[in-house]
Amino acid sequence: MVCPNCQSNISDKRIRCDRCGQDLVLYKKIYRASNMYYNNGLARAKVRDLSGAIVALKKSLELNKSNIDARNLLGLIYFEMGETVAALSEWVISRYFRPDGNDADKYIDDIQENPTRLDGLNQAIKRYNNALVFAKQGSDDLATIQLKRVIQLNPHFMRAYHLLSILYIKNGENERAKKCLLRAALIDVSNTTTLRYLKELEPQPRLTTKDGEASHGANKDSSSSIMPVSSYREDKPNIMAFVNLIIGVLIGLAVATFLILPSIKKDDVTGNNQNLVDYSAGKATLEEKEALIARLNDDKDTLEETVSQLRAELEGIVIPESNPELYDLLFEALSLYMDELAKDEKDRKFKQIAEIFKLLDTSMYESDVSLQLIDRIKQEIYPGLAKEYYESGHDFYSDYKYEEALEDLLISYNYDPTDVSTIYFIGRAYHRLEDYDNAKVYYEMVINDYPDTKRYDNAKSYLERIQD
């Protein structure tokens, strides 16, 4: 075990470092927890639960970022899922933590020693990006063709399977989508995206009812409610019923004559009056509708004019074409960086890598992993480059070559804008070249931002000379 404070080797049985006295109890617990998560990730990877393994391994690295076994296994899982850039980034970081005797060297060499395979992986990434652009533009056929080629170049590219299945589902080809997702499930059995898409393809269960039984029960109940009919018996004719019927009709006619007819006449008069009122109201309503139609026509003309303006603006928008060689510069920089790491530290040269980074358009990258990789490499090479350019600029300054000194010092400042010596000598170089405005800017930076450094008094003195 290595002490986290002084980096000295100590026995696993020790709870305190013999050299610096650092308490190791909590460190050991974190170390064991990291190994536990690694073992969990390894067990999941063996049964092809790659998504679960990634979660466990990331947790392991959060607890111990120098867990080489966990980082190498995470790179292998990324590579198995077709994420080549993510895999290479993990292996590069792993080799940084352990330059010698690291399995990551073998994994990286296996990819670099086979240019055909590396070119195929690169082409798969380019074609996938093109397919994604086609899919967003609605060109499903072109996107499908590109994705089929991507799967031929890299049969383990999970994101390609998912995008292709989405296109199949969109076009109603559910069987093809299901076959595509089943192939993805063979790579990662617990991928949530794959399982969610398969769930969507399952037929919806139908609700069954018991109408037959209900109707049968109803029939049973209705039949049980039938009562037996008594024997038929013919009634004798009754003359009084006929007489009562005649009397009732006469009484009804009398009531209609004296009561109902006046009410009918009154209703006719009321109805005529109501018709007049309805006509007036209808006329007013018609006028309101005509006014509304006129307003809607005006709004229609205004909207048509707005639509025409928007169409003109839309036609004037230039949609940038996707760059099929987007990742070429990144792979070139990564390859150069790995070559330099293989050299002795004193022989490493990172200037060419920094020049390549100046050409990268990071706004075009959609992968967070790519941006994280670029930031990590910059953090490794920029401090050394800043120091190198500062030393050369200081030498030029000492030789009274102020223009050459200013050029190198400004480059050093771009790589490390926090070095007070670089800022001070940029001000001195401008001062020597009699560019007092720029010299004043850098003197003020030293005075305002670094008041506790040894450059403060000199910068303040020179600034007072310029102002006088």
Protein backbone atom coordinates (compact mmCIF):
# COMPACT_ATOMS: atom_id res chain seq x y z
CA MET A 1 0.00 0.00 0.00
CA VAL A 2 1.14 3.54 -0.76
CA CYS A 3 0.69 6.36 1.73
CA PRO A 4 -1.62 9.04 0.25
CA ASN A 5 0.38 11.79 1.95
CA CYS A 6 4.06 11.00 1.35
CA GLN A 7 3.70 8.23 -1.31
CA SER A 8 5.93 5.87 0.62
CA ASN A 9 5.35 2.10 0.64
CA ILE A 10 3.84 0.79 3.87
CA SER A 11 2.61 -2.54 5.15
CA ASP A 12 -1.06 -3.41 4.76
CA LYS A 13 -1.24 -4.14 8.48
CA ARG A 14 -0.18 -0.64 9.49
CA ILE A 15 -2.83 1.88 10.53
CA ARG A 16 -0.40 4.82 10.51
CA CYS A 17 2.43 5.74 8.13
CA ASP A 18 5.86 5.18 9.71
CA ARG A 19 7.37 8.03 7.70
CA CYS A 20 4.89 10.93 7.96
CA GLY A 21 2.49 9.67 10.65
CA GLN A 22 -0.60 9.88 8.43
CA ASP A 23 -3.65 8.05 9.83
CA LEU A 24 -4.58 5.33 7.32
CA VAL A 25 -7.79 3.90 8.82
CA LEU A 26 -10.19 5.90 6.65
CA TYR A 27 -7.94 5.53 3.61
CA LYS A 28 -7.99 1.75 3.99
CA LYS A 29 -11.78 1.73 4.20
CA ILE A 30 -12.03 3.78 1.00
CA TYR A 31 -9.43 1.55 -0.65
CA ARG A 32 -11.36 -1.62 0.27
CA ALA A 33 -14.66 -0.07 -0.87
CA SER A 34 -13.11 0.77 -4.22
CA ASN A 35 -11.92 -2.83 -4.61
CA MET A 36 -15.36 -4.09 -3.61
CA TYR A 37 -17.01 -2.05 -6.36
CA TYR A 38 -14.37 -3.30 -8.79
CA ASN A 39 -15.17 -6.91 -7.90
CA ASN A 40 -18.86 -6.16 -8.35
CA GLY A 41 -18.19 -4.64 -11.77
CA LEU A 42 -16.04 -7.61 -12.76
CA ALA A 43 -18.77 -10.06 -11.75
CA ARG A 44 -21.34 -8.12 -13.77
CA ALA A 45 -19.06 -7.92 -16.79
CA LYS A 46 -18.60 -11.71 -16.78
CA VAL A 47 -22.36 -12.19 -17.26
CA ARG A 48 -22.48 -9.35 -19.86
CA ASP A 49 -24.29 -6.93 -17.55
CA LEU A 50 -22.16 -4.16 -19.03
CA SER A 51 -24.36 -1.23 -17.97
CA GLY A 52 -24.34 -2.39 -14.36
CA ALA A 53 -20.59 -2.99 -14.55
CA ILE A 54 -20.02 0.60 -15.77
CA VAL A 55 -21.95 1.99 -12.81
CA ALA A 56 -19.97 -0.11 -10.34
CA LEU A 57 -16.59 0.70 -11.92
CA LYS A 58 -17.30 4.44 -12.01
CA LYS A 59 -18.13 4.27 -8.31
CA SER A 60 -14.88 2.42 -7.73
CA LEU A 61 -12.92 5.15 -9.53
CA GLU A 62 -14.72 7.87 -7.59
CA LEU A 63 -13.34 6.33 -4.42
CA ASN A 64 -9.87 5.58 -5.83
CA LYS A 65 -9.00 7.23 -9.15
CA SER A 66 -5.71 5.28 -9.34
CA ASN A 67 -7.43 1.88 -9.25
CA ILE A 68 -5.73 0.66 -12.42
CA ASP A 69 -7.64 -2.62 -12.67
CA ALA A 70 -11.00 -0.82 -12.48
CA ARG A 71 -9.97 1.78 -15.06
CA ASN A 72 -8.62 -0.80 -17.50
CA LEU A 73 -11.77 -2.91 -17.15
CA LEU A 74 -13.93 0.17 -17.70
CA GLY A 75 -12.00 0.85 -20.92
CA LEU A 76 -12.55 -2.74 -22.08
CA ILE A 77 -16.29 -2.45 -21.44
CA TYR A 78 -16.47 0.84 -23.34
CA PHE A 79 -14.61 -0.78 -26.22
CA GLU A 80 -16.96 -3.78 -26.14
CA MET A 81 -19.93 -1.38 -26.45
CA GLY A 82 -18.32 0.38 -29.43
CA GLU A 83 -17.25 3.52 -27.53
CA THR A 84 -13.67 3.63 -28.85
CA VAL A 85 -12.88 7.20 -27.77
CA ALA A 86 -14.08 6.59 -24.23
CA ALA A 87 -12.05 3.37 -24.02
CA LEU A 88 -8.84 5.04 -25.24
CA SER A 89 -9.29 7.91 -22.80
CA GLU A 90 -9.55 5.52 -19.85
CA TRP A 91 -6.47 3.58 -20.97
CA VAL A 92 -4.44 6.77 -21.48
CA ILE A 93 -5.30 7.92 -17.97
CA SER A 94 -4.47 4.47 -16.64
CA ARG A 95 -1.05 4.57 -18.29
CA TYR A 96 -0.46 8.00 -16.77
CA PHE A 97 -0.99 6.57 -13.26
CA ARG A 98 1.17 3.50 -13.95
CA PRO A 99 3.60 4.01 -16.85
CA ASP A 100 5.30 0.61 -16.42
CA GLY A 101 3.78 -2.86 -16.32
CA ASN A 102 0.31 -1.68 -17.27
CA ASP A 103 -2.09 -3.81 -19.32
CA ALA A 104 -3.38 -0.59 -20.90
CA ASP A 105 -0.21 -0.50 -23.01
CA LYS A 106 -1.21 -3.80 -24.62
CA TYR A 107 -4.76 -2.62 -25.32
CA ILE A 108 -3.58 0.61 -26.94
CA ASP A 109 -0.89 -1.18 -28.95
CA ASP A 110 -3.40 -3.73 -30.22
CA ILE A 111 -5.44 -0.90 -31.72
CA GLN A 112 -2.50 1.09 -33.06
CA GLU A 113 -0.73 -1.90 -34.61
CA ASN A 114 -3.74 -2.67 -36.80
CA PRO A 115 -4.25 0.43 -39.00
CA THR A 116 -7.10 -1.23 -40.89
CA ARG A 117 -9.05 -1.85 -37.72
CA LEU A 118 -8.33 1.65 -36.40
CA ASP A 119 -9.49 3.17 -39.68
CA GLY A 120 -12.64 1.04 -39.54
CA LEU A 121 -13.44 2.26 -36.03
CA ASN A 122 -12.81 5.84 -37.12
CA GLN A 123 -15.07 5.42 -40.15
CA ALA A 124 -17.79 3.92 -37.94
CA ILE A 125 -17.79 7.02 -35.75
CA LYS A 126 -17.92 9.34 -38.78
CA ARG A 127 -20.76 7.40 -40.39
CA TYR A 128 -22.72 7.31 -37.14
CA ASN A 129 -22.45 11.11 -36.87
CA ASN A 130 -23.61 11.43 -40.48
CA ALA A 131 -26.52 9.08 -39.79
CA LEU A 132 -27.50 11.14 -36.76
CA VAL A 133 -27.55 14.29 -38.91
CA PHE A 134 -29.64 12.54 -41.59
CA ALA A 135 -32.10 11.30 -38.95
CA LYS A 136 -32.52 14.81 -37.53
CA GLN A 137 -33.18 16.11 -41.04
CA GLY A 138 -35.83 13.44 -41.67
CA SER A 139 -33.79 11.47 -44.25
CA ASP A 140 -34.53 8.09 -42.69
CA ASP A 141 -33.40 6.06 -45.72
CA LEU A 142 -29.95 7.67 -45.83
CA ALA A 143 -29.60 7.34 -42.06
CA THR A 144 -30.53 3.63 -42.23
CA ILE A 145 -27.94 2.97 -44.95
CA GLN A 146 -25.24 4.70 -42.92
CA LEU A 147 -26.14 2.81 -39.74
CA LYS A 148 -26.04 -0.57 -41.48
CA ARG A 149 -22.52 0.26 -42.66
CA VAL A 150 -21.60 1.38 -39.12
CA ILE A 151 -22.69 -2.00 -37.74
CA GLN A 152 -20.62 -3.78 -40.39
CA LEU A 153 -17.54 -1.76 -39.42
CA ASN A 154 -18.15 -2.05 -35.66
CA PRO A 155 -20.64 -4.85 -34.80
CA HIS A 156 -20.62 -3.81 -31.11
CA PHE A 157 -21.64 -0.16 -31.53
CA MET A 158 -24.62 -0.02 -29.14
CA ARG A 159 -25.71 3.51 -30.05
CA ALA A 160 -25.91 2.51 -33.72
CA TYR A 161 -28.25 -0.39 -32.86
CA HIS A 162 -30.47 1.91 -30.82
CA LEU A 163 -30.71 4.60 -33.51
CA LEU A 164 -31.39 2.02 -36.22
CA SER A 165 -34.16 0.43 -34.15
CA ILE A 166 -35.75 3.86 -33.63
CA LEU A 167 -35.81 4.41 -37.39
CA TYR A 168 -37.36 0.98 -37.93
CA ILE A 169 -40.04 1.66 -35.31
CA LYS A 170 -40.76 5.05 -36.85
CA ASN A 171 -41.35 3.42 -40.24
CA GLY A 172 -43.52 0.62 -38.82
CA GLU A 173 -40.92 -2.15 -39.28
CA ASN A 174 -41.29 -3.57 -35.78
CA GLU A 175 -39.87 -7.01 -36.60
CA ARG A 176 -36.63 -5.53 -37.90
CA ALA A 177 -36.44 -3.23 -34.91
CA LYS A 178 -36.90 -6.19 -32.58
CA LYS A 179 -34.13 -8.19 -34.30
CA CYS A 180 -31.83 -5.18 -34.05
CA LEU A 181 -32.55 -4.75 -30.35
CA LEU A 182 -32.06 -8.46 -29.65
CA ARG A 183 -28.60 -8.24 -31.21
CA ALA A 184 -27.87 -5.27 -28.94
CA ALA A 185 -29.13 -7.27 -25.95
CA LEU A 186 -26.55 -9.97 -26.70
CA ILE A 187 -23.84 -7.35 -26.14
CA ASP A 188 -25.32 -5.81 -22.97
CA VAL A 189 -28.11 -7.81 -21.35
CA SER A 190 -29.21 -5.05 -18.95
CA ASN A 191 -28.98 -1.95 -21.10
CA THR A 192 -31.96 0.17 -20.05
CA THR A 193 -32.37 1.75 -23.48
CA THR A 194 -32.55 -1.64 -25.18
CA LEU A 195 -35.01 -3.02 -22.64
CA ARG A 196 -37.21 0.08 -22.87
CA TYR A 197 -37.42 -0.15 -26.67
CA LEU A 198 -38.22 -3.88 -26.48
CA LYS A 199 -40.96 -3.09 -23.97
CA GLU A 200 -42.48 -0.65 -26.44
CA LEU A 201 -42.57 -3.37 -29.11
CA GLU A 202 -44.51 -5.82 -26.94
CA PRO A 203 -48.25 -6.20 -27.79
CA GLN A 204 -50.59 -4.54 -25.32
CA PRO A 205 -52.62 -7.00 -23.20
CA ARG A 206 -56.36 -7.13 -23.88
CA LEU A 207 -58.87 -6.91 -21.06
CA THR A 208 -61.17 -9.94 -20.91
CA THR A 209 -64.76 -9.68 -19.71
CA LYS A 210 -67.30 -12.16 -18.51
CA ASP A 211 -70.20 -10.94 -20.60
CA GLY A 212 -71.25 -14.48 -21.39
CA GLU A 213 -71.47 -15.39 -17.76
CA ALA A 214 -73.26 -12.15 -16.97
CA SER A 215 -75.77 -12.65 -19.76
CA HIS A 216 -76.19 -16.22 -18.69
CA GLY A 217 -76.88 -15.11 -15.15
CA ALA A 218 -79.30 -12.49 -16.42
CA ASN A 219 -81.10 -15.06 -18.46
CA LYS A 220 -81.19 -17.30 -15.46
CA ASP A 221 -82.57 -14.51 -13.30
CA SER A 222 -85.17 -13.48 -15.87
CA SER A 223 -86.31 -17.04 -16.39
CA SER A 224 -86.58 -17.59 -12.68
CA SER A 225 -88.82 -14.53 -12.37
CA ILE A 226 -91.46 -15.95 -14.76
CA MET A 227 -94.58 -16.81 -12.87
CA PRO A 228 -96.90 -19.61 -13.95
CA VAL A 229 -99.95 -18.42 -15.88
CA SER A 230 -103.33 -19.40 -14.58
CA SER A 231 -105.84 -21.16 -16.75
CA TYR A 232 -107.64 -18.97 -19.37
CA ARG A 233 -111.08 -17.64 -18.54
CA GLU A 234 -113.16 -15.44 -20.94
CA ASP A 235 -114.73 -12.37 -19.34
CA LYS A 236 -118.35 -11.55 -19.91
CA PRO A 237 -119.13 -8.34 -21.91
CA ASN A 238 -119.65 -5.23 -19.75
CA ILE A 239 -121.84 -2.43 -21.30
CA MET A 240 -121.01 0.11 -18.53
CA ALA A 241 -117.41 0.37 -19.63
CA PHE A 242 -118.48 1.49 -23.11
CA VAL A 243 -120.86 4.09 -21.66
CA ASN A 244 -118.15 5.51 -19.42
CA LEU A 245 -115.83 5.82 -22.41
CA ILE A 246 -118.38 7.89 -24.37
CA ILE A 247 -118.97 10.21 -21.39
CA GLY A 248 -115.22 10.74 -20.96
CA VAL A 249 -114.82 11.74 -24.62
CA LEU A 250 -117.58 14.32 -24.39
CA ILE A 251 -116.10 15.85 -21.23
CA GLY A 252 -112.70 16.09 -22.96
CA LEU A 253 -114.13 17.95 -25.95
CA ALA A 254 -115.82 20.44 -23.64
CA VAL A 255 -112.59 21.13 -21.75
CA ALA A 256 -110.73 21.61 -25.01
CA THR A 257 -113.31 24.10 -26.27
CA PHE A 258 -113.40 26.33 -23.19
CA LEU A 259 -109.84 26.05 -21.85
CA ILE A 260 -107.32 24.88 -24.43
CA LEU A 261 -108.38 26.92 -27.51
CA PRO A 262 -107.88 30.33 -25.79
CA SER A 263 -104.45 29.21 -24.63
CA ILE A 264 -103.55 28.21 -28.19
CA LYS A 265 -104.53 31.62 -29.56
CA LYS A 266 -102.50 33.34 -26.84
CA ASP A 267 -99.50 31.16 -27.67
CA ASP A 268 -99.78 32.12 -31.36
CA VAL A 269 -99.64 35.82 -30.50
CA THR A 270 -96.70 35.27 -28.14
CA GLY A 271 -94.96 33.17 -30.78
CA ASN A 272 -95.29 35.91 -33.40
CA ASN A 273 -93.84 38.45 -30.98
CA GLN A 274 -91.02 36.06 -30.15
CA ASN A 275 -90.28 35.58 -33.86
CA LEU A 276 -89.88 39.34 -34.20
CA VAL A 277 -87.49 39.38 -31.25
CA ASP A 278 -85.55 36.37 -32.64
CA TYR A 279 -85.25 38.06 -36.01
CA SER A 280 -83.80 41.21 -34.44
CA ALA A 281 -81.40 39.19 -32.30
CA GLY A 282 -80.43 37.06 -35.30
CA LYS A 283 -79.74 40.16 -37.36
CA ALA A 284 -77.50 41.56 -34.61
CA THR A 285 -75.72 38.20 -34.32
CA LEU A 286 -75.20 38.13 -38.08
CA GLU A 287 -73.66 41.58 -37.98
CA GLU A 288 -71.31 40.48 -35.19
CA LYS A 289 -70.29 37.42 -37.21
CA GLU A 290 -69.63 39.55 -40.28
CA ALA A 291 -67.45 41.86 -38.19
CA LEU A 292 -65.62 38.84 -36.75
CA ILE A 293 -65.05 37.45 -40.26
CA ALA A 294 -63.60 40.79 -41.33
CA ARG A 295 -61.21 40.81 -38.35
CA LEU A 296 -60.19 37.20 -39.07
CA ASN A 297 -59.49 38.09 -42.69
CA ASP A 298 -57.26 40.93 -41.52
CA ASP A 299 -55.49 38.58 -39.10
CA LYS A 300 -55.11 36.07 -41.92
CA ASP A 301 -53.42 38.64 -44.13
CA THR A 302 -51.10 39.63 -41.28
CA LEU A 303 -50.21 35.97 -40.57
CA GLU A 304 -49.57 35.27 -44.24
CA GLU A 305 -47.21 38.24 -44.37
CA THR A 306 -45.44 36.98 -41.21
CA VAL A 307 -45.15 33.48 -42.67
CA SER A 308 -43.65 34.91 -45.84
CA GLN A 309 -41.09 36.85 -43.83
CA LEU A 310 -40.19 33.77 -41.76
CA ARG A 311 -39.81 31.66 -44.87
CA ALA A 312 -37.50 34.25 -46.37
CA GLU A 313 -35.42 34.25 -43.17
CA LEU A 314 -35.40 30.45 -43.11
CA GLU A 315 -34.18 30.27 -46.69
CA GLY A 316 -31.43 32.70 -45.81
CA ILE A 317 -30.14 30.55 -42.97
CA VAL A 318 -27.06 28.56 -43.92
CA ILE A 319 -27.11 25.17 -42.25
CA PRO A 320 -23.54 24.01 -41.60
CA GLU A 321 -22.69 20.71 -43.14
CA SER A 322 -21.45 18.01 -40.80
CA ASN A 323 -17.70 17.51 -40.97
CA PRO A 324 -17.01 13.82 -41.69
CA GLU A 325 -13.40 14.29 -40.52
CA LEU A 326 -14.41 15.80 -37.18
CA TYR A 327 -12.47 13.34 -35.02
CA ASP A 328 -9.36 13.02 -37.24
CA LEU A 329 -7.49 15.83 -35.48
CA LEU A 330 -8.46 14.48 -32.07
CA PHE A 331 -7.17 11.00 -32.94
CA GLU A 332 -3.98 12.52 -34.35
CA ALA A 333 -3.40 14.52 -31.16
CA LEU A 334 -4.16 11.47 -29.02
CA SER A 335 -1.74 9.33 -31.02
CA LEU A 336 1.03 11.93 -30.69
CA TYR A 337 0.35 12.28 -26.97
CA MET A 338 0.67 8.52 -26.42
CA ASP A 339 3.90 8.46 -28.46
CA GLU A 340 5.38 11.23 -26.31
CA LEU A 341 4.36 9.50 -23.08
CA ALA A 342 6.35 6.48 -24.22
CA LYS A 343 9.52 8.60 -24.21
CA ASP A 344 11.57 9.71 -21.23
CA GLU A 345 10.14 12.75 -19.48
CA LYS A 346 13.04 14.96 -20.50
CA ASP A 347 12.62 14.07 -24.18
CA ARG A 348 8.89 14.74 -24.43
CA LYS A 349 7.75 17.47 -26.83
CA PHE A 350 4.12 18.60 -26.73
CA LYS A 351 4.23 21.67 -29.00
CA GLN A 352 2.76 19.85 -32.00
CA ILE A 353 -0.14 18.56 -29.88
CA ALA A 354 -0.87 22.09 -28.66
CA GLU A 355 -0.91 23.35 -32.26
CA ILE A 356 -3.44 20.65 -33.18
CA PHE A 357 -5.66 21.68 -30.25
CA LYS A 358 -5.73 25.22 -31.67
CA LEU A 359 -7.35 23.80 -34.82
CA LEU A 360 -10.04 21.82 -32.96
CA ASP A 361 -13.58 23.19 -33.03
CA THR A 362 -14.82 21.77 -29.74
CA SER A 363 -18.30 23.22 -30.30
CA MET A 364 -18.90 20.50 -32.92
CA TYR A 365 -18.29 17.65 -30.49
CA GLU A 366 -21.47 16.10 -29.07
CA SER A 367 -19.69 13.55 -26.88
CA ASP A 368 -18.85 14.68 -23.31
CA VAL A 369 -16.16 12.01 -23.21
CA SER A 370 -14.28 13.67 -26.10
CA LEU A 371 -14.37 17.07 -24.39
CA GLN A 372 -13.21 15.56 -21.10
CA LEU A 373 -10.33 13.83 -22.88
CA ILE A 374 -9.23 17.12 -24.51
CA ASP A 375 -9.35 18.94 -21.14
CA ARG A 376 -7.33 16.20 -19.44
CA ILE A 377 -4.59 16.30 -22.08
CA LYS A 378 -4.49 20.11 -21.91
CA GLN A 379 -4.08 19.95 -18.13
CA GLU A 380 -1.12 17.62 -18.62
CA ILE A 381 0.78 19.46 -21.37
CA TYR A 382 -0.06 23.16 -20.97
CA PRO A 383 1.89 23.82 -17.71
CA GLY A 384 5.07 22.36 -19.21
CA LEU A 385 4.66 24.31 -22.44
CA ALA A 386 4.05 27.51 -20.49
CA LYS A 387 7.28 27.00 -18.55
CA GLU A 388 9.20 26.18 -21.74
CA TYR A 389 8.03 29.30 -23.56
CA TYR A 390 8.63 31.44 -20.45
CA GLU A 391 12.26 30.29 -20.24
CA SER A 392 12.89 30.96 -23.93
CA GLY A 393 11.17 34.35 -23.68
CA HIS A 394 13.22 35.26 -20.61
CA ASP A 395 16.42 34.30 -22.47
CA PHE A 396 15.45 36.54 -25.39
CA TYR A 397 14.72 39.35 -22.92
CA SER A 398 18.13 38.91 -21.30
CA ASP A 399 19.71 39.15 -24.78
CA TYR A 400 17.82 42.44 -25.44
CA LYS A 401 15.68 40.75 -28.12
CA TYR A 402 12.44 42.20 -26.85
CA GLU A 403 10.20 41.42 -29.82
CA GLU A 404 11.18 37.72 -29.80
CA ALA A 405 10.85 37.69 -26.02
CA LEU A 406 7.36 39.22 -26.21
CA GLU A 407 6.23 36.61 -28.73
CA ASP A 408 7.27 33.64 -26.55
CA LEU A 409 6.03 35.26 -23.34
CA LEU A 410 2.57 35.84 -24.80
CA ILE A 411 2.41 32.19 -25.86
CA SER A 412 3.39 31.18 -22.34
CA TYR A 413 0.65 33.45 -20.96
CA ASN A 414 -1.94 31.75 -23.18
CA TYR A 415 -0.98 28.36 -21.76
CA ASP A 416 -0.80 29.56 -18.13
CA PRO A 417 -2.36 32.99 -17.43
CA THR A 418 -1.67 32.69 -13.68
CA ASP A 419 2.15 32.92 -13.72
CA VAL A 420 3.05 36.33 -12.26
CA SER A 421 6.60 36.23 -13.67
CA THR A 422 5.27 35.78 -17.21
CA ILE A 423 2.87 38.72 -16.78
CA TYR A 424 5.64 40.91 -15.30
CA PHE A 425 8.12 40.29 -18.12
CA ILE A 426 5.43 40.86 -20.76
CA GLY A 427 4.98 44.29 -19.21
CA ARG A 428 8.77 44.80 -19.15
CA ALA A 429 9.07 43.79 -22.83
CA TYR A 430 6.35 46.27 -23.82
CA HIS A 431 8.08 48.87 -21.67
CA ARG A 432 11.40 48.29 -23.44
CA LEU A 433 9.65 48.56 -26.81
CA GLU A 434 8.12 51.87 -25.61
CA ASP A 435 4.59 50.51 -25.93
CA TYR A 436 3.55 52.13 -22.66
CA ASP A 437 -0.19 51.48 -22.98
CA ASN A 438 0.23 47.71 -23.08
CA ALA A 439 2.98 47.82 -20.49
CA LYS A 440 0.61 49.65 -18.15
CA VAL A 441 -2.00 46.93 -18.56
CA TYR A 442 0.32 44.13 -17.47
CA TYR A 443 1.91 46.15 -14.66
CA GLU A 444 -1.57 46.78 -13.27
CA MET A 445 -2.36 43.07 -13.48
CA VAL A 446 0.66 42.30 -11.31
CA ILE A 447 -0.23 45.05 -8.83
CA ASN A 448 -3.94 44.22 -8.55
CA ASP A 449 -3.84 40.41 -8.70
CA TYR A 450 -0.51 39.53 -7.09
CA PRO A 451 0.19 42.06 -4.30
CA ASP A 452 2.03 39.50 -2.13
CA THR A 453 4.69 38.52 -4.70
CA LYS A 454 8.20 39.81 -5.18
CA ARG A 455 7.22 41.32 -8.56
CA TYR A 456 4.78 43.75 -6.91
CA ASP A 457 7.26 46.47 -5.90
CA ASN A 458 9.09 46.47 -9.25
CA ALA A 459 5.85 46.58 -11.25
CA LYS A 460 4.58 49.46 -9.09
CA SER A 461 7.85 51.38 -9.54
CA TYR A 462 7.85 50.97 -13.33
CA LEU A 463 4.19 51.90 -13.55
CA GLU A 464 4.87 55.17 -11.68
CA ARG A 465 7.65 55.98 -14.17
CA ILE A 466 5.29 55.50 -17.10
CA GLN A 467 2.60 57.64 -15.52
CA ASP A 468 5.04 60.41 -14.69
